[in-house]
Protein backbone atom coordinates (compact mmCIF):
# COMPACT_ATOMS: atom_id res chain seq x y z
CA UNK A 1 108.48 -9.57 -2.46
CA UNK A 2 107.15 -12.67 -2.56
CA UNK A 3 108.27 -13.10 1.38
CA UNK A 4 106.73 -10.02 2.12
CA UNK A 5 103.72 -11.02 0.50
CA UNK A 6 103.25 -13.86 2.55
CA UNK A 7 104.19 -12.76 5.87
CA UNK A 8 102.10 -9.61 5.06
CA UNK A 9 99.19 -10.91 3.92
CA UNK A 10 99.11 -13.92 6.90
CA UNK A 11 99.45 -10.96 9.44
CA UNK A 12 96.53 -9.06 7.77
CA UNK A 13 93.96 -11.99 7.96
CA UNK A 14 95.28 -13.07 11.64
CA UNK A 15 93.95 -9.52 12.81
CA UNK A 16 90.84 -10.06 11.03
CA UNK A 17 90.31 -12.86 12.82
CA UNK A 18 90.60 -15.71 9.70
CA UNK A 19 90.39 -18.87 10.82
CA UNK A 20 94.33 -20.38 10.77
CA UNK A 21 94.04 -23.19 8.52
CA UNK A 22 92.44 -21.06 6.09
CA UNK A 23 94.52 -17.92 6.64
CA UNK A 24 97.37 -20.13 5.55
CA UNK A 25 96.09 -21.60 2.57
CA UNK A 26 95.14 -18.15 1.55
CA UNK A 27 98.42 -16.53 2.46
CA UNK A 28 100.53 -19.21 0.50
CA UNK A 29 98.24 -19.18 -2.51
CA UNK A 30 99.07 -15.51 -2.29
CA UNK A 31 102.56 -16.15 -2.29
CA UNK A 32 102.38 -18.72 -5.35
CA UNK A 33 100.68 -16.46 -7.58
CA UNK A 34 102.99 -13.51 -6.97
CA UNK A 35 106.07 -16.02 -7.48
CA UNK A 36 104.58 -17.08 -10.66
CA UNK A 37 104.58 -20.77 -9.26
CA UNK A 38 101.66 -23.17 -9.79
CA UNK A 39 98.72 -23.13 -7.61
CA UNK A 40 98.51 -27.00 -7.97
CA UNK A 41 101.64 -26.72 -5.39
CA UNK A 42 99.20 -25.74 -2.20
CA UNK A 43 97.02 -28.81 -2.94
CA UNK A 44 100.40 -31.40 -3.31
CA UNK A 45 101.93 -30.00 -0.05
CA UNK A 46 98.79 -30.37 1.99
CA UNK A 47 98.51 -33.97 0.92
CA UNK A 48 101.93 -34.34 1.70
CA UNK A 49 101.55 -32.53 5.54
CA UNK A 50 98.42 -34.58 5.90
CA UNK A 51 99.76 -37.94 4.54
CA UNK A 52 102.19 -39.07 7.85
CA UNK A 53 101.77 -42.16 9.12
CA UNK A 54 101.80 -40.67 12.32
CA UNK A 55 99.16 -38.60 12.07
CA UNK A 56 97.04 -41.74 12.23
CA UNK A 57 97.39 -41.59 15.64
CA UNK A 58 95.60 -38.36 16.37
CA UNK A 59 91.87 -39.53 15.61
CA UNK A 60 92.52 -43.09 17.62
CA UNK A 61 93.74 -40.88 20.62
CA UNK A 62 90.59 -38.46 20.29
CA UNK A 63 88.34 -41.58 20.03
CA UNK A 64 89.82 -42.73 22.99
CA UNK A 65 88.78 -39.92 24.66
CA UNK A 66 85.56 -40.24 23.49
CA UNK A 67 84.86 -43.44 24.62
CA UNK A 68 86.07 -42.50 28.19
CA UNK A 69 84.26 -39.61 28.62
CA UNK A 70 80.81 -41.87 27.72
CA UNK A 71 82.20 -44.68 29.92
CA UNK A 72 82.16 -42.09 32.67
CA UNK A 73 85.43 -43.15 33.30
CA UNK A 74 86.72 -39.51 33.93
CA UNK A 75 84.62 -39.24 37.01
CA UNK A 76 86.71 -42.19 38.46
CA UNK A 77 89.84 -40.51 37.60
CA UNK A 78 88.63 -37.50 39.91
CA UNK A 79 87.39 -39.48 42.62
CA UNK A 80 90.85 -41.44 42.49
CA UNK A 81 92.79 -38.09 42.85
CA UNK A 82 90.53 -36.54 45.12
CA UNK A 83 91.13 -39.74 47.45
CA UNK A 84 94.73 -38.85 47.60
CA UNK A 85 94.71 -35.18 47.76
CA UNK A 86 91.28 -33.76 48.50
CA UNK A 87 91.94 -33.15 52.27
CA UNK A 88 94.34 -30.06 51.10
CA UNK A 89 92.76 -26.58 51.22
CA UNK A 90 91.55 -25.79 47.86
CA UNK A 91 90.94 -29.33 46.93
CA UNK A 92 88.54 -29.91 44.02
CA UNK A 93 90.81 -26.91 42.37
CA UNK A 94 94.02 -29.28 42.99
CA UNK A 95 92.38 -32.01 41.77
CA UNK A 96 91.31 -30.63 38.27
CA UNK A 97 95.00 -29.87 37.80
CA UNK A 98 95.90 -33.79 38.84
CA UNK A 99 92.96 -35.07 36.86
CA UNK A 100 94.11 -33.22 33.82
CA UNK A 101 97.66 -34.43 34.35
CA UNK A 102 96.40 -38.26 33.98
CA UNK A 103 93.70 -37.01 31.02
CA UNK A 104 97.05 -35.66 29.09
CA UNK A 105 98.62 -39.33 29.49
CA UNK A 106 95.71 -40.63 28.08
CA UNK A 107 94.46 -38.52 25.36
CA UNK A 108 96.97 -35.56 24.53
CA UNK A 109 94.73 -32.81 23.30
CA UNK A 110 94.39 -29.76 25.54
CA UNK A 111 91.03 -29.10 23.92
CA UNK A 112 89.85 -32.58 25.02
CA UNK A 113 90.61 -31.67 28.34
CA UNK A 114 88.44 -28.59 28.84
CA UNK A 115 85.62 -29.99 26.96
CA UNK A 116 85.59 -33.41 28.55
CA UNK A 117 86.50 -32.05 32.24
CA UNK A 118 85.67 -28.05 32.43
CA UNK A 119 81.78 -28.72 31.76
CA UNK A 120 81.31 -30.49 35.18
CA UNK A 121 84.25 -29.31 37.10
CA UNK A 122 84.14 -25.97 36.43
CA UNK A 123 80.11 -26.21 37.96
CA UNK A 124 81.66 -28.15 40.87
CA UNK A 125 84.14 -25.63 41.96
CA UNK A 126 81.00 -23.07 41.61
CA UNK A 127 79.27 -25.01 43.74
CA UNK A 128 81.66 -25.25 46.72
CA UNK A 129 82.03 -21.29 46.46
CA UNK A 130 85.20 -21.39 44.30
CA UNK A 131 84.86 -17.41 42.56
CA UNK A 132 83.74 -18.17 38.57
CA UNK A 133 86.73 -16.62 37.60
CA UNK A 134 89.49 -18.53 39.59
CA UNK A 135 87.56 -21.90 38.64
CA UNK A 136 87.86 -20.85 35.08
CA UNK A 137 91.40 -19.89 35.00
CA UNK A 138 92.43 -23.47 37.04
CA UNK A 139 90.67 -25.47 34.24
CA UNK A 140 92.22 -23.49 31.93
CA UNK A 141 95.82 -23.71 33.20
CA UNK A 142 95.96 -26.96 34.06
CA UNK A 143 94.24 -28.17 30.62
CA UNK A 144 97.77 -27.38 29.46
CA UNK A 145 99.26 -30.16 30.62
CA UNK A 146 97.16 -32.39 28.07
CA UNK A 147 99.61 -31.82 25.23
CA UNK A 148 102.48 -31.62 27.32
CA UNK A 149 102.16 -35.25 29.19
CA UNK A 150 102.72 -37.75 26.59
CA UNK A 151 101.43 -38.91 24.49
CA UNK A 152 101.22 -35.54 22.91
CA UNK A 153 99.58 -35.19 19.63
CA UNK A 154 101.57 -31.45 19.23
CA UNK A 155 104.52 -33.61 19.68
CA UNK A 156 103.81 -36.04 17.46
CA UNK A 157 103.26 -33.17 14.70
CA UNK A 158 106.53 -31.75 15.79
CA UNK A 159 108.45 -34.77 14.92
CA UNK A 160 106.74 -35.37 11.68
CA UNK A 161 107.50 -31.76 10.61
CA UNK A 162 111.24 -31.46 11.88
CA UNK A 163 112.51 -34.93 11.38
CA UNK A 164 115.54 -35.92 13.22
CA UNK A 165 113.86 -36.42 16.03
CA UNK A 166 112.14 -39.73 17.65
CA UNK A 167 108.26 -39.16 18.65
CA UNK A 168 109.31 -41.64 21.75
CA UNK A 169 112.28 -39.99 22.53
CA UNK A 170 110.60 -36.84 23.17
CA UNK A 171 107.14 -38.23 24.73
CA UNK A 172 110.33 -39.64 27.56
CA UNK A 173 111.80 -35.90 27.36
CA UNK A 174 108.35 -34.19 28.25
CA UNK A 175 107.53 -36.54 31.32
CA UNK A 176 109.54 -34.86 33.67
CA UNK A 177 108.58 -31.15 32.67
CA UNK A 178 104.85 -32.36 32.77
CA UNK A 179 105.04 -33.15 36.43
CA UNK A 180 107.03 -30.37 37.36
CA UNK A 181 104.70 -27.84 35.57
CA UNK A 182 101.62 -29.77 37.53
CA UNK A 183 103.32 -29.44 40.85
CA UNK A 184 103.69 -25.85 39.98
CA UNK A 185 100.40 -25.21 39.29
CA UNK A 186 99.24 -27.33 42.57
CA UNK A 187 101.52 -25.17 44.63
CA UNK A 188 100.26 -22.08 43.53
CA UNK A 189 96.72 -22.84 43.68
CA UNK A 190 97.16 -24.26 46.95
CA UNK A 191 98.47 -20.77 48.08
CA UNK A 192 95.53 -18.91 46.72
CA UNK A 193 93.29 -21.25 48.20
CA UNK A 194 94.67 -21.02 51.58
CA UNK A 195 94.52 -16.97 51.17
CA UNK A 196 91.10 -16.69 50.16
CA UNK A 197 89.63 -19.79 52.75
CA UNK A 198 88.51 -22.18 49.81
CA UNK A 199 87.01 -25.68 51.27
CA UNK A 200 88.84 -28.54 51.70
CA UNK A 201 87.24 -32.72 51.68
CA UNK A 202 87.37 -34.65 54.42
CA UNK A 203 90.14 -36.93 54.60
CA UNK A 204 89.87 -40.24 52.74
CA UNK A 205 90.50 -43.49 54.56
CA UNK A 206 92.52 -46.30 52.92
CA UNK A 207 89.67 -48.60 52.54
CA UNK A 208 88.08 -45.77 50.70
CA UNK A 209 90.99 -45.17 48.86
CA UNK A 210 91.50 -48.55 47.49
CA UNK A 211 88.06 -48.69 46.33
CA UNK A 212 88.36 -45.39 44.06
CA UNK A 213 91.88 -47.00 43.14
CA UNK A 214 89.80 -49.96 41.82
CA UNK A 215 87.46 -48.34 39.94
CA UNK A 216 89.70 -45.96 38.01
CA UNK A 217 92.32 -48.68 37.69
CA UNK A 218 90.87 -49.18 34.00
CA UNK A 219 91.65 -45.49 33.26
CA UNK A 220 95.08 -45.56 34.84
CA UNK A 221 96.25 -49.21 33.04
CA UNK A 222 95.28 -46.94 29.62
CA UNK A 223 98.95 -44.60 30.04
CA UNK A 224 100.57 -47.83 30.78
CA UNK A 225 99.41 -49.31 27.72
CA UNK A 226 100.09 -46.64 25.52
CA UNK A 227 103.46 -45.61 26.97
CA UNK A 228 104.92 -49.08 28.15
CA UNK A 229 103.79 -50.68 24.57
CA UNK A 230 105.66 -47.36 22.94
CA UNK A 231 108.91 -47.15 25.20
CA UNK A 232 109.02 -51.06 25.53
CA UNK A 233 109.31 -51.39 21.65
CA UNK A 234 106.02 -53.49 21.56
CA UNK A 235 104.46 -51.13 19.23
CA UNK A 236 104.69 -47.89 17.46
CA UNK A 237 102.76 -44.51 18.21
CA UNK A 238 100.21 -44.94 15.95
CA UNK A 239 99.70 -48.80 17.02
CA UNK A 240 99.22 -48.00 20.26
CA UNK A 241 96.54 -45.22 19.69
CA UNK A 242 94.30 -48.00 17.58
CA UNK A 243 95.06 -50.25 20.74
CA UNK A 244 94.20 -47.71 23.38
CA UNK A 245 91.10 -46.84 21.25
CA UNK A 246 89.76 -50.80 21.51
CA UNK A 247 90.77 -50.88 24.83
CA UNK A 248 88.44 -47.90 25.83
CA UNK A 249 85.80 -49.02 23.86
CA UNK A 250 85.67 -52.70 25.44
CA UNK A 251 85.85 -51.06 28.77
CA UNK A 252 83.29 -48.81 28.17
CA UNK A 253 80.77 -50.77 26.29
CA UNK A 254 81.61 -54.32 27.78
CA UNK A 255 82.76 -53.79 30.94
CA UNK A 256 81.13 -50.71 32.24
CA UNK A 257 78.25 -50.80 29.64
CA UNK A 258 77.87 -47.44 29.85
CA UNK A 259 77.57 -46.95 25.91
CA UNK A 260 75.01 -48.11 23.81
CA UNK A 261 75.90 -48.91 19.74
CA UNK A 262 73.49 -45.93 18.76
CA UNK A 263 76.23 -43.37 20.64
CA UNK A 264 79.00 -44.67 18.32
CA UNK A 265 77.44 -42.48 15.21
CA UNK A 266 78.01 -39.30 17.51
CA UNK A 267 81.37 -40.15 19.13
CA UNK A 268 82.69 -40.97 15.84
CA UNK A 269 81.26 -37.47 14.19
CA UNK A 270 82.79 -35.64 17.24
CA UNK A 271 85.92 -37.54 16.45
CA UNK A 272 86.11 -36.48 12.87
CA UNK A 273 85.30 -33.03 13.72
CA UNK A 274 88.23 -32.78 15.96
CA UNK A 275 90.76 -34.79 14.35
CA UNK A 276 89.96 -33.09 10.96
CA UNK A 277 90.76 -29.58 12.45
CA UNK A 278 94.14 -30.88 13.93
CA UNK A 279 95.06 -32.43 10.22
CA UNK A 280 93.93 -29.48 8.33
CA UNK A 281 96.37 -27.16 10.14
CA UNK A 282 99.05 -29.52 9.97
CA UNK A 283 97.96 -29.57 5.96
CA UNK A 284 97.91 -26.13 5.49
CA UNK A 285 101.24 -25.29 7.67
CA UNK A 286 102.88 -27.42 5.68
CA UNK A 287 102.20 -25.37 2.61
CA UNK A 288 103.68 -22.06 4.63
CA UNK A 289 106.44 -24.07 5.80
CA UNK A 290 107.21 -24.95 1.96
CA UNK A 291 107.23 -21.18 0.94
CA UNK A 292 109.42 -20.19 4.10
CA UNK A 293 111.63 -23.02 2.93
CA UNK A 294 111.63 -21.92 -0.59
CA UNK A 295 112.60 -18.52 0.40
CA UNK A 296 115.65 -20.13 2.34
CA UNK A 297 114.91 -18.10 5.67
CA UNK A 298 116.12 -20.95 7.61
CA UNK A 299 119.76 -20.59 6.02
CA UNK A 300 119.19 -16.94 6.04
CA UNK A 301 118.71 -17.10 10.25
CA UNK A 302 121.44 -19.72 10.87
CA UNK A 303 124.04 -18.12 9.78
CA UNK A 304 123.63 -14.69 12.23
CA UNK A 305 122.26 -16.79 15.12
CA UNK A 306 124.65 -19.78 15.02
CA UNK A 307 127.03 -17.17 16.65
CA UNK A 308 125.10 -16.78 19.83
CA UNK A 309 125.97 -18.60 22.66
CA UNK A 310 123.67 -21.51 23.78
CA UNK A 311 121.83 -19.58 26.49
CA UNK A 312 121.52 -16.02 24.96
CA UNK A 313 119.92 -18.19 21.65
CA UNK A 314 117.41 -20.14 23.67
CA UNK A 315 116.16 -17.22 26.09
CA UNK A 316 115.33 -15.20 22.87
CA UNK A 317 113.53 -18.89 21.31
CA UNK A 318 111.48 -18.88 24.96
CA UNK A 319 110.52 -15.17 24.30
CA UNK A 320 109.85 -15.28 20.71
CA UNK A 321 107.71 -18.45 21.36
CA UNK A 322 105.61 -16.92 24.23
CA UNK A 323 104.93 -13.89 21.87
CA UNK A 324 103.93 -16.07 18.93
CA UNK A 325 101.84 -18.46 21.08
CA UNK A 326 99.39 -15.13 22.09
CA UNK A 327 98.44 -14.88 18.33
CA UNK A 328 99.00 -17.93 16.62
CA UNK A 329 97.84 -21.96 16.79
CA UNK A 330 100.22 -24.29 18.57
CA UNK A 331 99.81 -26.57 15.57
CA UNK A 332 100.35 -24.30 13.18
CA UNK A 333 103.08 -22.59 15.07
CA UNK A 334 104.74 -25.90 15.29
CA UNK A 335 104.73 -26.66 11.66
CA UNK A 336 105.71 -23.46 10.67
CA UNK A 337 108.43 -22.24 12.95
CA UNK A 338 109.76 -25.74 14.18
CA UNK A 339 111.68 -26.67 10.80
CA UNK A 340 113.22 -22.80 11.15
CA UNK A 341 114.04 -23.05 14.98
CA UNK A 342 115.25 -26.95 15.17
CA UNK A 343 118.46 -26.34 12.72
CA UNK A 344 119.70 -23.45 14.34
CA UNK A 345 119.65 -25.31 17.51
CA UNK A 346 121.12 -28.26 16.26
CA UNK A 347 123.98 -26.20 14.83
CA UNK A 348 124.64 -24.58 17.85
CA UNK A 349 125.05 -28.13 19.88
CA UNK A 350 121.27 -28.34 21.22
CA UNK A 351 120.06 -31.86 21.61
CA UNK A 352 117.00 -32.69 19.85
CA UNK A 353 114.94 -33.96 22.01
CA UNK A 354 115.60 -30.63 24.34
CA UNK A 355 114.77 -27.87 21.81
CA UNK A 356 111.83 -30.09 20.67
CA UNK A 357 110.17 -30.19 24.37
CA UNK A 358 111.28 -26.44 24.58
CA UNK A 359 109.42 -25.64 21.35
CA UNK A 360 106.28 -27.51 22.28
CA UNK A 361 105.86 -26.48 25.83
CA UNK A 362 106.28 -22.79 24.79
CA UNK A 363 103.24 -23.14 22.13
CA UNK A 364 101.11 -24.79 24.59
CA UNK A 365 101.68 -21.90 27.17
CA UNK A 366 100.28 -20.14 24.36
CA UNK A 367 97.12 -21.59 24.52
CA UNK A 368 96.19 -19.65 27.78
CA UNK A 369 97.59 -16.06 26.99
CA UNK A 370 95.56 -13.53 25.56
CA UNK A 371 94.38 -12.21 23.05
CA UNK A 372 93.70 -15.54 20.99
CA UNK A 373 94.25 -17.93 24.10
CA UNK A 374 91.77 -21.08 22.88
CA UNK A 375 91.45 -22.42 26.67
CA UNK A 376 90.56 -19.05 27.87
CA UNK A 377 87.81 -18.55 25.20
CA UNK A 378 86.46 -21.87 26.06
CA UNK A 379 86.15 -22.17 29.67
CA UNK A 380 85.34 -18.51 30.23
CA UNK A 381 81.54 -19.09 28.99
CA UNK A 382 81.54 -22.23 31.25
CA UNK A 383 82.00 -20.33 34.23
CA UNK A 384 79.78 -17.33 32.92
CA UNK A 385 82.50 -14.55 33.14
CA UNK A 386 84.93 -12.44 30.71
CA UNK A 387 88.10 -13.84 29.12
CA UNK A 388 89.79 -10.69 30.85
CA UNK A 389 88.71 -12.13 34.28
CA UNK A 390 89.59 -15.80 33.65
CA UNK A 391 93.08 -14.67 32.52
CA UNK A 392 93.98 -12.44 35.61
CA UNK A 393 93.23 -15.58 37.46
CA UNK A 394 95.00 -17.60 35.48
CA UNK A 395 98.17 -15.60 35.56
CA UNK A 396 99.66 -16.81 38.69
CA UNK A 397 99.42 -20.36 37.24
CA UNK A 398 100.80 -19.31 33.79
CA UNK A 399 103.66 -17.80 35.75
CA UNK A 400 104.57 -20.64 37.63
CA UNK A 401 104.30 -22.88 34.22
CA UNK A 402 106.84 -19.85 32.68
CA UNK A 403 109.30 -20.65 35.66
CA UNK A 404 109.23 -24.47 35.31
CA UNK A 405 109.89 -23.74 31.03
CA UNK A 406 112.98 -21.82 32.19
CA UNK A 407 114.25 -24.32 34.56
CA UNK A 408 113.80 -27.00 31.81
CA UNK A 409 115.19 -24.96 29.43
CA UNK A 410 118.35 -24.24 30.82
CA UNK A 411 119.12 -27.18 32.60
CA UNK A 412 118.71 -29.89 30.28
CA UNK A 413 119.04 -32.77 32.41
CA UNK A 414 115.29 -32.55 33.19
CA UNK A 415 114.30 -33.35 29.59
CA UNK A 416 117.33 -35.96 28.66
CA UNK A 417 117.81 -38.12 31.90
CA UNK A 418 114.70 -40.36 31.06
CA UNK A 419 115.72 -40.66 27.08
CA UNK A 420 119.06 -41.32 27.91
CA UNK A 421 118.00 -43.90 30.38
CA UNK A 422 115.99 -45.79 27.65
CA UNK A 423 118.37 -45.59 25.30
CA UNK A 424 117.47 -42.17 23.52
């Protein structure tokens, strides 16, 4: 009865459009009320969910992105990518995908990519006669690379929630899939651009490429600092995020002098709003995850599913998570569903890093699938089109991303080769 109340209340509030974090808090409170548990458990579990040391990296990574945006280093990244692939048909759309890949290696949030890049890349694409819906679709699908390319906030939350999974290890496991998804999206974008005759830019000569490379070098060094420090065991994920924020501050305010001290309060406010949303979701989802664990759902699921062959279980997980992504936030999903799916996968002999990468990539793709795909809702107003128009244009890019997901699912070396190389 208690589990029925939890699920029923959650689905009802979801259909009503209730904010997902408050939905989970209220649904869990109803569960506790019906089950006769003290409501104080909500506060206790939320605090536990938000009290992880690794979660300290979230505001620092967001702050890093805010400093880069203020320092106009994102424009330098765009010019750098454009210098190398701008001569190909559909140049600006391809540059959008490539820049989102680099942006993901710095910030690790899909909404950060959409907010920082979409505001001027979408108008630029429209100016070059790309259709508004296509411009919105490219930005919405390319922004998915943010939470896949390490450092990924989603993967940090997954590791904190599930356990038995190294954050550095899952970062390594996600690098090859991220590049494959970027390549698949680029191929699809180029095919559409050739078919529609979208423009390309003049080929950039090597002296100009070198110039753009030097201009973008401070931003390009950030992934080297973050990932090199983590994989080289020089510092932890949380320490790397703080160092990245300090580096971005130094570049923006000292080297390029693009920022003013008066800008810092606004930057900190935006950082607090974004980080607070993510951490609130992590805390509220922990309450729901506790309720599910209290009902021993994991043990009830492990029995029937542990008799399945690996391929059937993984296929079922992919389909279920892709459907889940249409309705539920990725951060909430990973905290609630990760602790259910991962133990079953481990029992079937699936590597913790592989199942972690599969779960996170699935949930990220859900960010661009209707009816509640958040990136669709953010990019569509920027382009002046409806969500339906954006999704229609984004569908080929999403299919390409899903194709890579299934390739990663059923060919483990794509996720495990790099971690094994580094000893994970």
